Amino acid sequence: MALEFRKFTLPVRSTYAATMATTEPTPVSFSRRIRKDGNDNKVVDVAIKGFAFEVRDNGRLEDFEIGVQKVSASWRSSGHTSGEVVVEAQLAPRPDEARNQKWTYQGTVEVLVIADLEDPKP
């Protein structure tokens, strides 16, 4: 059993507050086949290392009261040694401001992809 790690910083493009933002799928490759568990699932996990967002009011950088803050990362398998990582983010002000289209946010999310690889053939 060998673990391999890949670290990525994914951009979250400018999005209206209260709207879910999804990053472009980012390809990830490993040096050997990813091991499968007893249920035939690839043993891969994605962890969020950190994130940073900027909030803008009509384009001007602002501080604001957060109502909702959500960041998640997921893995999509696409081959024996590869797949994609995707991040979803949502940042929204308190409910009385949530539908106001003057608020936008953008930023970055740092993720760590961890794969358990098959042992090399003897």
PDB file of N, CA and C in Angstrom:
ATOM      1  N   MET A   1       0.847  -1.173   0.000  1.00  0.00           N
ATOM      2  CA  MET A   1       0.000   0.000   0.000  1.00  0.00           C
ATOM      3  C   MET A   1       0.894   1.238   0.000  1.00  0.00           C
ATOM      4  N   ALA A   2       0.623   2.124  -0.935  1.00  0.00           N
ATOM      5  CA  ALA A   2       1.376   3.379  -1.014  1.00  0.00           C
ATOM      6  C   ALA A   2       0.391   4.526  -1.209  1.00  0.00           C
ATOM      7  N   LEU A   3       0.595   5.584  -0.441  1.00  0.00           N
ATOM      8  CA  LEU A   3      -0.247   6.767  -0.596  1.00  0.00           C
ATOM      9  C   LEU A   3       0.484   7.788  -1.449  1.00  0.00           C
ATOM     10  N   GLU A   4      -0.280   8.465  -2.300  1.00  0.00           N
ATOM     11  CA  GLU A   4       0.266   9.554  -3.094  1.00  0.00           C
ATOM     12  C   GLU A   4      -0.645  10.756  -2.902  1.00  0.00           C
ATOM     13  N   PHE A   5      -0.047  11.941  -2.882  1.00  0.00           N
ATOM     14  CA  PHE A   5      -0.782  13.181  -2.624  1.00  0.00           C
ATOM     15  C   PHE A   5      -0.591  14.151  -3.773  1.00  0.00           C
ATOM     16  N   ARG A   6      -1.622  14.923  -4.058  1.00  0.00           N
ATOM     17  CA  ARG A   6      -1.538  16.027  -5.018  1.00  0.00           C
ATOM     18  C   ARG A   6      -2.225  17.225  -4.376  1.00  0.00           C
ATOM     19  N   LYS A   7      -1.582  18.389  -4.465  1.00  0.00           N
ATOM     20  CA  LYS A   7      -2.138  19.619  -3.888  1.00  0.00           C
ATOM     21  C   LYS A   7      -2.463  20.581  -5.030  1.00  0.00           C
ATOM     22  N   PHE A   8      -3.627  21.204  -4.959  1.00  0.00           N
ATOM     23  CA  PHE A   8      -4.077  22.144  -5.979  1.00  0.00           C
ATOM     24  C   PHE A   8      -4.713  23.361  -5.317  1.00  0.00           C
ATOM     25  N   THR A   9      -4.578  24.503  -5.972  1.00  0.00           N
ATOM     26  CA  THR A   9      -5.327  25.699  -5.598  1.00  0.00           C
ATOM     27  C   THR A   9      -6.268  26.000  -6.753  1.00  0.00           C
ATOM     28  N   LEU A  10      -7.561  25.924  -6.486  1.00  0.00           N
ATOM     29  CA  LEU A  10      -8.572  26.102  -7.525  1.00  0.00           C
ATOM     30  C   LEU A  10      -9.224  27.475  -7.399  1.00  0.00           C
ATOM     31  N   PRO A  11      -9.359  28.184  -8.534  1.00  0.00           N
ATOM     32  CA  PRO A  11      -9.993  29.502  -8.475  1.00  0.00           C
ATOM     33  C   PRO A  11     -11.516  29.406  -8.459  1.00  0.00           C
ATOM     34  N   VAL A  12     -12.132  30.248  -7.655  1.00  0.00           N
ATOM     35  CA  VAL A  12     -13.582  30.419  -7.664  1.00  0.00           C
ATOM     36  C   VAL A  12     -13.825  31.758  -8.337  1.00  0.00           C
ATOM     37  N   ARG A  13     -14.399  31.711  -9.540  1.00  0.00           N
ATOM     38  CA  ARG A  13     -14.633  32.939 -10.311  1.00  0.00           C
ATOM     39  C   ARG A  13     -15.716  33.794  -9.667  1.00  0.00           C
ATOM     40  N   SER A  14     -15.699  35.062  -9.979  1.00  0.00           N
ATOM     41  CA  SER A  14     -16.665  36.011  -9.422  1.00  0.00           C
ATOM     42  C   SER A  14     -18.095  35.518  -9.648  1.00  0.00           C
ATOM     43  N   THR A  15     -18.838  35.435  -8.542  1.00  0.00           N
ATOM     44  CA  THR A  15     -20.188  34.887  -8.536  1.00  0.00           C
ATOM     45  C   THR A  15     -21.057  35.757  -7.642  1.00  0.00           C
ATOM     46  N   TYR A  16     -22.329  35.911  -8.011  1.00  0.00           N
ATOM     47  CA  TYR A  16     -23.246  36.658  -7.147  1.00  0.00           C
ATOM     48  C   TYR A  16     -23.420  35.935  -5.823  1.00  0.00           C
ATOM     49  N   ALA A  17     -23.451  36.694  -4.743  1.00  0.00           N
ATOM     50  CA  ALA A  17     -23.687  36.125  -3.416  1.00  0.00           C
ATOM     51  C   ALA A  17     -24.992  35.346  -3.448  1.00  0.00           C
ATOM     52  N   ALA A  18     -25.075  34.319  -2.636  1.00  0.00           N
ATOM     53  CA  ALA A  18     -26.229  33.422  -2.534  1.00  0.00           C
ATOM     54  C   ALA A  18     -26.305  32.450  -3.709  1.00  0.00           C
ATOM     55  N   THR A  19     -25.333  32.473  -4.631  1.00  0.00           N
ATOM     56  CA  THR A  19     -25.296  31.545  -5.756  1.00  0.00           C
ATOM     57  C   THR A  19     -24.168  30.552  -5.525  1.00  0.00           C
ATOM     58  N   MET A  20     -24.433  29.291  -5.783  1.00  0.00           N
ATOM     59  CA  MET A  20     -23.402  28.258  -5.654  1.00  0.00           C
ATOM     60  C   MET A  20     -22.419  28.404  -6.810  1.00  0.00           C
ATOM     61  N   ALA A  21     -21.145  28.428  -6.493  1.00  0.00           N
ATOM     62  CA  ALA A  21     -20.090  28.488  -7.511  1.00  0.00           C
ATOM     63  C   ALA A  21     -19.451  27.111  -7.624  1.00  0.00           C
ATOM     64  N   THR A  22     -19.176  26.674  -8.840  1.00  0.00           N
ATOM     65  CA  THR A  22     -18.514  25.397  -9.075  1.00  0.00           C
ATOM     66  C   THR A  22     -17.276  25.653  -9.908  1.00  0.00           C
ATOM     67  N   THR A  23     -16.140  25.108  -9.487  1.00  0.00           N
ATOM     68  CA  THR A  23     -14.906  25.284 -10.253  1.00  0.00           C
ATOM     69  C   THR A  23     -14.909  24.363 -11.464  1.00  0.00           C
ATOM     70  N   GLU A  24     -14.065  24.686 -12.422  1.00  0.00           N
ATOM     71  CA  GLU A  24     -13.860  23.793 -13.552  1.00  0.00           C
ATOM     72  C   GLU A  24     -13.245  22.495 -13.026  1.00  0.00           C
ATOM     73  N   PRO A  25     -13.622  21.335 -13.575  1.00  0.00           N
ATOM     74  CA  PRO A  25     -12.983  20.091 -13.140  1.00  0.00           C
ATOM     75  C   PRO A  25     -11.473  20.154 -13.393  1.00  0.00           C
ATOM     76  N   THR A  26     -10.698  19.792 -12.395  1.00  0.00           N
ATOM     77  CA  THR A  26      -9.240  19.819 -12.502  1.00  0.00           C
ATOM     78  C   THR A  26      -8.724  18.386 -12.594  1.00  0.00           C
ATOM     79  N   PRO A  27      -8.034  18.040 -13.701  1.00  0.00           N
ATOM     80  CA  PRO A  27      -7.531  16.669 -13.845  1.00  0.00           C
ATOM     81  C   PRO A  27      -6.436  16.359 -12.832  1.00  0.00           C
ATOM     82  N   VAL A  28      -6.457  15.114 -12.343  1.00  0.00           N
ATOM     83  CA  VAL A  28      -5.468  14.634 -11.379  1.00  0.00           C
ATOM     84  C   VAL A  28      -5.005  13.257 -11.853  1.00  0.00           C
ATOM     85  N   SER A  29      -3.684  13.050 -11.902  1.00  0.00           N
ATOM     86  CA  SER A  29      -3.124  11.748 -12.281  1.00  0.00           C
ATOM     87  C   SER A  29      -2.160  11.272 -11.213  1.00  0.00           C
ATOM     88  N   PHE A  30      -2.098   9.956 -11.057  1.00  0.00           N
ATOM     89  CA  PHE A  30      -1.181   9.345 -10.112  1.00  0.00           C
ATOM     90  C   PHE A  30      -0.235   8.412 -10.862  1.00  0.00           C
ATOM     91  N   SER A  31       0.842   8.005 -10.204  1.00  0.00           N
ATOM     92  CA  SER A  31       1.901   7.248 -10.879  1.00  0.00           C
ATOM     93  C   SER A  31       1.543   5.787 -11.140  1.00  0.00           C
ATOM     94  N   ARG A  32       0.565   5.237 -10.395  1.00  0.00           N
ATOM     95  CA  ARG A  32       0.142   3.844 -10.585  1.00  0.00           C
ATOM     96  C   ARG A  32      -1.374   3.763 -10.456  1.00  0.00           C
ATOM     97  N   ARG A  33      -1.898   2.557 -10.688  1.00  0.00           N
ATOM     98  CA  ARG A  33      -3.340   2.332 -10.537  1.00  0.00           C
ATOM     99  C   ARG A  33      -3.788   2.648  -9.111  1.00  0.00           C
ATOM    100  N   ILE A  34      -4.981   3.223  -9.015  1.00  0.00           N
ATOM    101  CA  ILE A  34      -5.582   3.504  -7.708  1.00  0.00           C
ATOM    102  C   ILE A  34      -6.216   2.210  -7.202  1.00  0.00           C
ATOM    103  N   ARG A  35      -5.918   1.851  -5.955  1.00  0.00           N
ATOM    104  CA  ARG A  35      -6.446   0.627  -5.355  1.00  0.00           C
ATOM    105  C   ARG A  35      -7.963   0.725  -5.197  1.00  0.00           C
ATOM    106  N   LYS A  36      -8.641  -0.405  -5.311  1.00  0.00           N
ATOM    107  CA  LYS A  36     -10.083  -0.473  -5.080  1.00  0.00           C
ATOM    108  C   LYS A  36     -10.346  -1.178  -3.754  1.00  0.00           C
ATOM    109  N   ASP A  37     -11.414  -0.754  -3.073  1.00  0.00           N
ATOM    110  CA  ASP A  37     -11.782  -1.401  -1.814  1.00  0.00           C
ATOM    111  C   ASP A  37     -12.643  -2.639  -2.088  1.00  0.00           C
ATOM    112  N   GLY A  38     -13.154  -3.272  -1.045  1.00  0.00           N
ATOM    113  CA  GLY A  38     -13.961  -4.478  -1.187  1.00  0.00           C
ATOM    114  C   GLY A  38     -15.268  -4.275  -1.928  1.00  0.00           C
ATOM    115  N   ASN A  39     -15.718  -3.031  -2.060  1.00  0.00           N
ATOM    116  CA  ASN A  39     -16.951  -2.718  -2.803  1.00  0.00           C
ATOM    117  C   ASN A  39     -16.664  -2.203  -4.209  1.00  0.00           C
ATOM    118  N   ASP A  40     -15.429  -2.372  -4.684  1.00  0.00           N
ATOM    119  CA  ASP A  40     -14.997  -1.969  -6.024  1.00  0.00           C
ATOM    120  C   ASP A  40     -14.961  -0.445  -6.207  1.00  0.00           C
ATOM    121  N   ASN A  41     -14.821   0.314  -5.107  1.00  0.00           N
ATOM    122  CA  ASN A  41     -14.678   1.769  -5.168  1.00  0.00           C
ATOM    123  C   ASN A  41     -13.204   2.141  -5.087  1.00  0.00           C
ATOM    124  N   LYS A  42     -12.782   3.103  -5.879  1.00  0.00           N
ATOM    125  CA  LYS A  42     -11.398   3.554  -5.799  1.00  0.00           C
ATOM    126  C   LYS A  42     -11.166   4.257  -4.467  1.00  0.00           C
ATOM    127  N   VAL A  43      -9.990   4.015  -3.890  1.00  0.00           N
ATOM    128  CA  VAL A  43      -9.663   4.569  -2.582  1.00  0.00           C
ATOM    129  C   VAL A  43      -8.960   5.910  -2.799  1.00  0.00           C
ATOM    130  N   VAL A  44      -9.778   6.962  -2.912  1.00  0.00           N
ATOM    131  CA  VAL A  44      -9.316   8.327  -3.138  1.00  0.00           C
ATOM    132  C   VAL A  44     -10.147   9.235  -2.249  1.00  0.00           C
ATOM    133  N   ASP A  45      -9.494  10.256  -1.682  1.00  0.00           N
ATOM    134  CA  ASP A  45     -10.238  11.223  -0.887  1.00  0.00           C
ATOM    135  C   ASP A  45      -9.712  12.620  -1.196  1.00  0.00           C
ATOM    136  N   VAL A  46     -10.562  13.595  -0.998  1.00  0.00           N
ATOM    137  CA  VAL A  46     -10.206  14.996  -1.220  1.00  0.00           C
ATOM    138  C   VAL A  46     -10.444  15.744   0.076  1.00  0.00           C
ATOM    139  N   ALA A  47      -9.432  16.487   0.512  1.00  0.00           N
ATOM    140  CA  ALA A  47      -9.541  17.279   1.735  1.00  0.00           C
ATOM    141  C   ALA A  47      -9.347  18.754   1.390  1.00  0.00           C
ATOM    142  N   ILE A  48     -10.092  19.610   2.047  1.00  0.00           N
ATOM    143  CA  ILE A  48      -9.921  21.053   1.870  1.00  0.00           C
ATOM    144  C   ILE A  48      -8.832  21.509   2.829  1.00  0.00           C
ATOM    145  N   LYS A  49      -7.776  22.079   2.263  1.00  0.00           N
ATOM    146  CA  LYS A  49      -6.663  22.586   3.084  1.00  0.00           C
ATOM    147  C   LYS A  49      -6.975  23.973   3.615  1.00  0.00           C
ATOM    148  N   GLY A  50      -7.638  24.769   2.786  1.00  0.00           N
ATOM    149  CA  GLY A  50      -7.969  26.135   3.178  1.00  0.00           C
ATOM    150  C   GLY A  50      -8.676  26.848   2.045  1.00  0.00           C
ATOM    151  N   PHE A  51      -9.199  28.016   2.340  1.00  0.00           N
ATOM    152  CA  PHE A  51      -9.845  28.827   1.300  1.00  0.00           C
ATOM    153  C   PHE A  51      -9.781  30.285   1.687  1.00  0.00           C
ATOM    154  N   ALA A  52      -9.902  31.131   0.675  1.00  0.00           N
ATOM    155  CA  ALA A  52      -9.913  32.582   0.883  1.00  0.00           C
ATOM    156  C   ALA A  52     -10.890  33.190  -0.118  1.00  0.00           C
ATOM    157  N   PHE A  53     -11.788  34.018   0.375  1.00  0.00           N
ATOM    158  CA  PHE A  53     -12.754  34.698  -0.478  1.00  0.00           C
ATOM    159  C   PHE A  53     -12.662  36.206  -0.281  1.00  0.00           C
ATOM    160  N   GLU A  54     -12.957  36.929  -1.350  1.00  0.00           N
ATOM    161  CA  GLU A  54     -13.117  38.389  -1.293  1.00  0.00           C
ATOM    162  C   GLU A  54     -14.568  38.691  -1.625  1.00  0.00           C
ATOM    163  N   VAL A  55     -15.152  39.635  -0.925  1.00  0.00           N
ATOM    164  CA  VAL A  55     -16.521  40.061  -1.182  1.00  0.00           C
ATOM    165  C   VAL A  55     -16.486  41.464  -1.758  1.00  0.00           C
ATOM    166  N   ARG A  56     -17.320  41.692  -2.763  1.00  0.00           N
ATOM    167  CA  ARG A  56     -17.381  43.008  -3.401  1.00  0.00           C
ATOM    168  C   ARG A  56     -18.821  43.515  -3.422  1.00  0.00           C
ATOM    169  N   ASP A  57     -18.947  44.815  -3.234  1.00  0.00           N
ATOM    170  CA  ASP A  57     -20.232  45.517  -3.293  1.00  0.00           C
ATOM    171  C   ASP A  57     -20.138  46.440  -4.497  1.00  0.00           C
ATOM    172  N   ASN A  58     -20.879  46.099  -5.562  1.00  0.00           N
ATOM    173  CA  ASN A  58     -20.796  46.862  -6.818  1.00  0.00           C
ATOM    174  C   ASN A  58     -19.344  47.009  -7.283  1.00  0.00           C
ATOM    175  N   GLY A  59     -18.557  45.925  -7.139  1.00  0.00           N
ATOM    176  CA  GLY A  59     -17.180  45.914  -7.604  1.00  0.00           C
ATOM    177  C   GLY A  59     -16.148  46.422  -6.608  1.00  0.00           C
ATOM    178  N   ARG A  60     -16.577  47.004  -5.514  1.00  0.00           N
ATOM    179  CA  ARG A  60     -15.661  47.562  -4.510  1.00  0.00           C
ATOM    180  C   ARG A  60     -15.454  46.551  -3.385  1.00  0.00           C
ATOM    181  N   LEU A  61     -14.192  46.282  -3.026  1.00  0.00           N
ATOM    182  CA  LEU A  61     -13.868  45.332  -1.960  1.00  0.00           C
ATOM    183  C   LEU A  61     -14.506  45.779  -0.654  1.00  0.00           C
ATOM    184  N   GLU A  62     -15.213  44.841   0.009  1.00  0.00           N
ATOM    185  CA  GLU A  62     -15.959  45.165   1.225  1.00  0.00           C
ATOM    186  C   GLU A  62     -15.822  44.057   2.262  1.00  0.00           C
ATOM    187  N   ASP A  63     -16.084  44.414   3.508  1.00  0.00           N
ATOM    188  CA  ASP A  63     -16.316  43.442   4.564  1.00  0.00           C
ATOM    189  C   ASP A  63     -17.827  43.337   4.680  1.00  0.00           C
ATOM    190  N   PHE A  64     -18.323  42.137   5.001  1.00  0.00           N
ATOM    191  CA  PHE A  64     -19.756  42.018   5.219  1.00  0.00           C
ATOM    192  C   PHE A  64     -20.061  40.880   6.159  1.00  0.00           C
ATOM    193  N   GLU A  65     -21.280  40.887   6.687  1.00  0.00           N
ATOM    194  CA  GLU A  65     -21.699  39.852   7.618  1.00  0.00           C
ATOM    195  C   GLU A  65     -22.078  38.605   6.843  1.00  0.00           C
ATOM    196  N   ILE A  66     -21.469  37.503   7.221  1.00  0.00           N
ATOM    197  CA  ILE A  66     -21.719  36.237   6.537  1.00  0.00           C
ATOM    198  C   ILE A  66     -23.001  35.613   7.074  1.00  0.00           C
ATOM    199  N   GLY A  67     -23.838  35.137   6.169  1.00  0.00           N
ATOM    200  CA  GLY A  67     -25.023  34.384   6.537  1.00  0.00           C
ATOM    201  C   GLY A  67     -24.793  32.904   6.270  1.00  0.00           C
ATOM    202  N   VAL A  68     -24.261  32.576   5.078  1.00  0.00           N
ATOM    203  CA  VAL A  68     -23.995  31.198   4.674  1.00  0.00           C
ATOM    204  C   VAL A  68     -22.561  31.114   4.178  1.00  0.00           C
ATOM    205  N   GLN A  69     -21.872  30.085   4.589  1.00  0.00           N
ATOM    206  CA  GLN A  69     -20.525  29.842   4.088  1.00  0.00           C
ATOM    207  C   GLN A  69     -20.389  28.343   3.921  1.00  0.00           C
ATOM    208  N   LYS A  70     -20.146  27.887   2.671  1.00  0.00           N
ATOM    209  CA  LYS A  70     -20.052  26.463   2.395  1.00  0.00           C
ATOM    210  C   LYS A  70     -18.953  26.238   1.374  1.00  0.00           C
ATOM    211  N   VAL A  71     -18.096  25.258   1.640  1.00  0.00           N
ATOM    212  CA  VAL A  71     -17.072  24.860   0.689  1.00  0.00           C
ATOM    213  C   VAL A  71     -16.991  23.337   0.744  1.00  0.00           C
ATOM    214  N   SER A  72     -17.078  22.680  -0.414  1.00  0.00           N
ATOM    215  CA  SER A  72     -16.937  21.224  -0.459  1.00  0.00           C
ATOM    216  C   SER A  72     -16.133  20.835  -1.689  1.00  0.00           C
ATOM    217  N   ALA A  73     -15.483  19.688  -1.610  1.00  0.00           N
ATOM    218  CA  ALA A  73     -14.676  19.187  -2.725  1.00  0.00           C
ATOM    219  C   ALA A  73     -15.053  17.735  -2.975  1.00  0.00           C
ATOM    220  N   SER A  74     -15.046  17.332  -4.250  1.00  0.00           N
ATOM    221  CA  SER A  74     -15.395  15.955  -4.585  1.00  0.00           C
ATOM    222  C   SER A  74     -14.477  15.410  -5.673  1.00  0.00           C
ATOM    223  N   TRP A  75     -14.426  14.092  -5.747  1.00  0.00           N
ATOM    224  CA  TRP A  75     -13.589  13.358  -6.702  1.00  0.00           C
ATOM    225  C   TRP A  75     -14.495  12.688  -7.724  1.00  0.00           C
ATOM    226  N   ARG A  76     -14.109  12.790  -8.992  1.00  0.00           N
ATOM    227  CA  ARG A  76     -14.786  12.073 -10.077  1.00  0.00           C
ATOM    228  C   ARG A  76     -13.742  11.185 -10.736  1.00  0.00           C
ATOM    229  N   SER A  77     -13.959   9.897 -10.693  1.00  0.00           N
ATOM    230  CA  SER A  77     -13.005   8.957 -11.259  1.00  0.00           C
ATOM    231  C   SER A  77     -13.145   8.927 -12.781  1.00  0.00           C
ATOM    232  N   SER A  78     -12.008   8.826 -13.484  1.00  0.00           N
ATOM    233  CA  SER A  78     -12.086   8.775 -14.950  1.00  0.00           C
ATOM    234  C   SER A  78     -11.160   7.733 -15.556  1.00  0.00           C
ATOM    235  N   GLY A  79     -10.416   7.017 -14.760  1.00  0.00           N
ATOM    236  CA  GLY A  79      -9.512   5.998 -15.290  1.00  0.00           C
ATOM    237  C   GLY A  79      -8.862   5.238 -14.162  1.00  0.00           C
ATOM    238  N   HIS A  80      -7.965   4.317 -14.520  1.00  0.00           N
ATOM    239  CA  HIS A  80      -7.284   3.510 -13.506  1.00  0.00           C
ATOM    240  C   HIS A  80      -6.345   4.339 -12.639  1.00  0.00           C
ATOM    241  N   THR A  81      -5.755   5.397 -13.231  1.00  0.00           N
ATOM    242  CA  THR A  81      -4.757   6.198 -12.519  1.00  0.00           C
ATOM    243  C   THR A  81      -5.149   7.669 -12.401  1.00  0.00           C
ATOM    244  N   SER A  82      -6.383   8.001 -12.814  1.00  0.00           N
ATOM    245  CA  SER A  82      -6.716   9.428 -12.878  1.00  0.00           C
ATOM    246  C   SER A  82      -8.174   9.715 -12.546  1.00  0.00           C
ATOM    247  N   GLY A  83      -8.449  11.006 -12.442  1.00  0.00           N
ATOM    248  CA  GLY A  83      -9.795  11.500 -12.192  1.00  0.00           C
ATOM    249  C   GLY A  83      -9.780  13.010 -12.199  1.00  0.00           C
ATOM    250  N   GLU A  84     -10.821  13.606 -11.602  1.00  0.00           N
ATOM    251  CA  GLU A  84     -10.939  15.060 -11.540  1.00  0.00           C
ATOM    252  C   GLU A  84     -11.397  15.455 -10.140  1.00  0.00           C
ATOM    253  N   VAL A  85     -10.981  16.632  -9.736  1.00  0.00           N
ATOM    254  CA  VAL A  85     -11.465  17.194  -8.481  1.00  0.00           C
ATOM    255  C   VAL A  85     -12.285  18.442  -8.826  1.00  0.00           C
ATOM    256  N   VAL A  86     -13.409  18.607  -8.130  1.00  0.00           N
ATOM    257  CA  VAL A  86     -14.308  19.746  -8.341  1.00  0.00           C
ATOM    258  C   VAL A  86     -14.637  20.338  -6.973  1.00  0.00           C
ATOM    259  N   VAL A  87     -14.672  21.670  -6.909  1.00  0.00           N
ATOM    260  CA  VAL A  87     -15.016  22.369  -5.674  1.00  0.00           C
ATOM    261  C   VAL A  87     -16.325  23.119  -5.886  1.00  0.00           C
ATOM    262  N   GLU A  88     -17.194  23.065  -4.882  1.00  0.00           N
ATOM    263  CA  GLU A  88     -18.398  23.890  -4.842  1.00  0.00           C
ATOM    264  C   GLU A  88     -18.265  24.832  -3.661  1.00  0.00           C
ATOM    265  N   ALA A  89     -18.630  26.080  -3.889  1.00  0.00           N
ATOM    266  CA  ALA A  89     -18.529  27.084  -2.829  1.00  0.00           C
ATOM    267  C   ALA A  89     -19.771  27.960  -2.844  1.00  0.00           C
ATOM    268  N   GLN A  90     -20.156  28.410  -1.678  1.00  0.00           N
ATOM    269  CA  GLN A  90     -21.247  29.373  -1.560  1.00  0.00           C
ATOM    270  C   GLN A  90     -20.934  30.311  -0.412  1.00  0.00           C
ATOM    271  N   LEU A  91     -21.071  31.575  -0.674  1.00  0.00           N
ATOM    272  CA  LEU A  91     -20.855  32.611   0.323  1.00  0.00           C
ATOM    273  C   LEU A  91     -22.012  33.589   0.174  1.00  0.00           C
ATOM    274  N   ALA A  92     -22.761  33.783   1.226  1.00  0.00           N
ATOM    275  CA  ALA A  92     -23.939  34.645   1.116  1.00  0.00           C
ATOM    276  C   ALA A  92     -24.068  35.503   2.370  1.00  0.00           C
ATOM    277  N   PRO A  93     -24.576  36.719   2.210  1.00  0.00           N
ATOM    278  CA  PRO A  93     -24.800  37.586   3.375  1.00  0.00           C
ATOM    279  C   PRO A  93     -26.010  37.122   4.173  1.00  0.00           C
ATOM    280  N   ARG A  94     -26.258  37.822   5.248  1.00  0.00           N
ATOM    281  CA  ARG A  94     -27.418  37.495   6.071  1.00  0.00           C
ATOM    282  C   ARG A  94     -28.696  37.538   5.215  1.00  0.00           C
ATOM    283  N   PRO A  95     -29.760  36.863   5.638  1.00  0.00           N
ATOM    284  CA  PRO A  95     -30.957  36.695   4.803  1.00  0.00           C
ATOM    285  C   PRO A  95     -31.551  37.977   4.226  1.00  0.00           C
ATOM    286  N   ASP A  96     -31.544  39.094   4.953  1.00  0.00           N
ATOM    287  CA  ASP A  96     -32.166  40.315   4.428  1.00  0.00           C
ATOM    288  C   ASP A  96     -31.375  40.919   3.260  1.00  0.00           C
ATOM    289  N   GLU A  97     -30.129  40.495   3.057  1.00  0.00           N
ATOM    290  CA  GLU A  97     -29.309  40.984   1.944  1.00  0.00           C
ATOM    291  C   GLU A  97     -29.054  39.912   0.885  1.00  0.00           C
ATOM    292  N   ALA A  98     -29.485  38.691   1.137  1.00  0.00           N
ATOM    293  CA  ALA A  98     -29.086  37.547   0.314  1.00  0.00           C
ATOM    294  C   ALA A  98     -29.465  37.668  -1.164  1.00  0.00           C
ATOM    295  N   ARG A  99     -30.528  38.338  -1.498  1.00  0.00           N
ATOM    296  CA  ARG A  99     -30.962  38.424  -2.893  1.00  0.00           C
ATOM    297  C   ARG A  99     -30.472  39.696  -3.589  1.00  0.00           C
ATOM    298  N   ASN A 100     -29.732  40.504  -2.865  1.00  0.00           N
ATOM    299  CA  ASN A 100     -29.220  41.748  -3.420  1.00  0.00           C
ATOM    300  C   ASN A 100     -28.065  41.435  -4.370  1.00  0.00           C
ATOM    301  N   GLN A 101     -28.245  41.722  -5.651  1.00  0.00           N
ATOM    302  CA  GLN A 101     -27.271  41.350  -6.677  1.00  0.00           C
ATOM    303  C   GLN A 101     -26.025  42.240  -6.698  1.00  0.00           C
ATOM    304  N   LYS A 102     -25.948  43.203  -5.799  1.00  0.00           N
ATOM    305  CA  LYS A 102     -24.746  44.042  -5.765  1.00  0.00           C
ATOM    306  C   LYS A 102     -23.576  43.308  -5.118  1.00  0.00           C
ATOM    307  N   TRP A 103     -23.846  42.247  -4.327  1.00  0.00           N
ATOM    308  CA  TRP A 103     -22.805  41.498  -3.647  1.00  0.00           C
ATOM    309  C   TRP A 103     -22.277  40.381  -4.538  1.00  0.00           C
ATOM    310  N   THR A 104     -20.974  40.318  -4.720  1.00  0.00           N
ATOM    311  CA  THR A 104     -20.334  39.209  -5.421  1.00  0.00           C
ATOM    312  C   THR A 104     -19.169  38.704  -4.563  1.00  0.00           C
ATOM    313  N   TYR A 105     -18.706  37.510  -4.860  1.00  0.00           N
ATOM    314  CA  TYR A 105     -17.530  36.979  -4.174  1.00  0.00           C
ATOM    315  C   TYR A 105     -16.681  36.201  -5.168  1.00  0.00           C
ATOM    316  N   GLN A 106     -15.414  36.090  -4.841  1.00  0.00           N
ATOM    317  CA  GLN A 106     -14.470  35.307  -5.635  1.00  0.00           C
ATOM    318  C   GLN A 106     -13.340  34.891  -4.703  1.00  0.00           C
ATOM    319  N   GLY A 107     -12.533  33.954  -5.138  1.00  0.00           N
ATOM    320  CA  GLY A 107     -11.425  33.536  -4.285  1.00  0.00           C
ATOM    321  C   GLY A 107     -10.762  32.272  -4.754  1.00  0.00           C
ATOM    322  N   THR A 108     -10.160  31.564  -3.804  1.00  0.00           N
ATOM    323  CA  THR A 108      -9.455  30.324  -4.105  1.00  0.00           C
ATOM    324  C   THR A 108      -9.757  29.292  -3.021  1.00  0.00           C
ATOM    325  N   VAL A 109      -9.663  28.030  -3.420  1.00  0.00           N
ATOM    326  CA  VAL A 109      -9.813  26.915  -2.486  1.00  0.00           C
ATOM    327  C   VAL A 109      -8.624  25.989  -2.706  1.00  0.00           C
ATOM    328  N   GLU A 110      -7.927  25.682  -1.631  1.00  0.00           N
ATOM    329  CA  GLU A 110      -6.774  24.797  -1.704  1.00  0.00           C
ATOM    330  C   GLU A 110      -7.221  23.400  -1.271  1.00  0.00           C
ATOM    331  N   VAL A 111      -6.955  22.386  -2.121  1.00  0.00           N
ATOM    332  CA  VAL A 111      -7.370  21.020  -1.826  1.00  0.00           C
ATOM    333  C   VAL A 111      -6.171  20.074  -1.868  1.00  0.00           C
ATOM    334  N   LEU A 112      -6.326  18.977  -1.145  1.00  0.00           N
ATOM    335  CA  LEU A 112      -5.336  17.918  -1.129  1.00  0.00           C
ATOM    336  C   LEU A 112      -6.053  16.640  -1.565  1.00  0.00           C
ATOM    337  N   VAL A 113      -5.559  16.006  -2.648  1.00  0.00           N
ATOM    338  CA  VAL A 113      -6.127  14.760  -3.147  1.00  0.00           C
ATOM    339  C   VAL A 113      -5.201  13.630  -2.700  1.00  0.00           C
ATOM    340  N   ILE A 114      -5.781  12.619  -2.058  1.00  0.00           N
ATOM    341  CA  ILE A 114      -5.014  11.517  -1.481  1.00  0.00           C
ATOM    342  C   ILE A 114      -5.500  10.220  -2.114  1.00  0.00           C
ATOM    343  N   ALA A 115      -4.573   9.445  -2.699  1.00  0.00           N
ATOM    344  CA  ALA A 115      -4.942   8.173  -3.327  1.00  0.00           C
ATOM    345  C   ALA A 115      -4.108   7.046  -2.738  1.00  0.00           C
ATOM    346  N   ASP A 116      -4.780   5.915  -2.523  1.00  0.00           N
ATOM    347  CA  ASP A 116      -4.112   4.695  -2.106  1.00  0.00           C
ATOM    348  C   ASP A 116      -3.844   3.901  -3.384  1.00  0.00           C
ATOM    349  N   LEU A 117      -2.579   3.671  -3.708  1.00  0.00           N
ATOM    350  CA  LEU A 117      -2.196   3.044  -4.971  1.00  0.00           C
ATOM    351  C   LEU A 117      -1.926   1.562  -4.796  1.00  0.00           C
ATOM    352  N   GLU A 118      -2.160   0.824  -5.887  1.00  0.00           N
ATOM    353  CA  GLU A 118      -1.862  -0.614  -5.892  1.00  0.00           C
ATOM    354  C   GLU A 118      -0.367  -0.803  -5.765  1.00  0.00           C
ATOM    355  N   ASP A 119       0.024  -1.910  -5.146  1.00  0.00           N
ATOM    356  CA  ASP A 119       1.447  -2.239  -5.067  1.00  0.00           C
ATOM    357  C   ASP A 119       1.936  -2.596  -6.468  1.00  0.00           C
ATOM    358  N   PRO A 120       3.195  -2.278  -6.766  1.00  0.00           N
ATOM    359  CA  PRO A 120       3.729  -2.612  -8.093  1.00  0.00           C
ATOM    360  C   PRO A 120       3.771  -4.140  -8.276  1.00  0.00           C
ATOM    361  N   LYS A 121       3.602  -4.561  -9.504  1.00  0.00           N
ATOM    362  CA  LYS A 121       3.657  -5.994  -9.847  1.00  0.00           C
ATOM    363  C   LYS A 121       5.100  -6.475  -9.666  1.00  0.00           C
ATOM    364  N   PRO A 122       5.301  -7.661  -9.085  1.00  0.00           N
ATOM    365  CA  PRO A 122       6.681  -8.158  -8.873  1.00  0.00           C
ATOM    366  C   PRO A 122       7.366  -8.515 -10.179  1.00  0.00           C
TER     367      PRO A 122
END
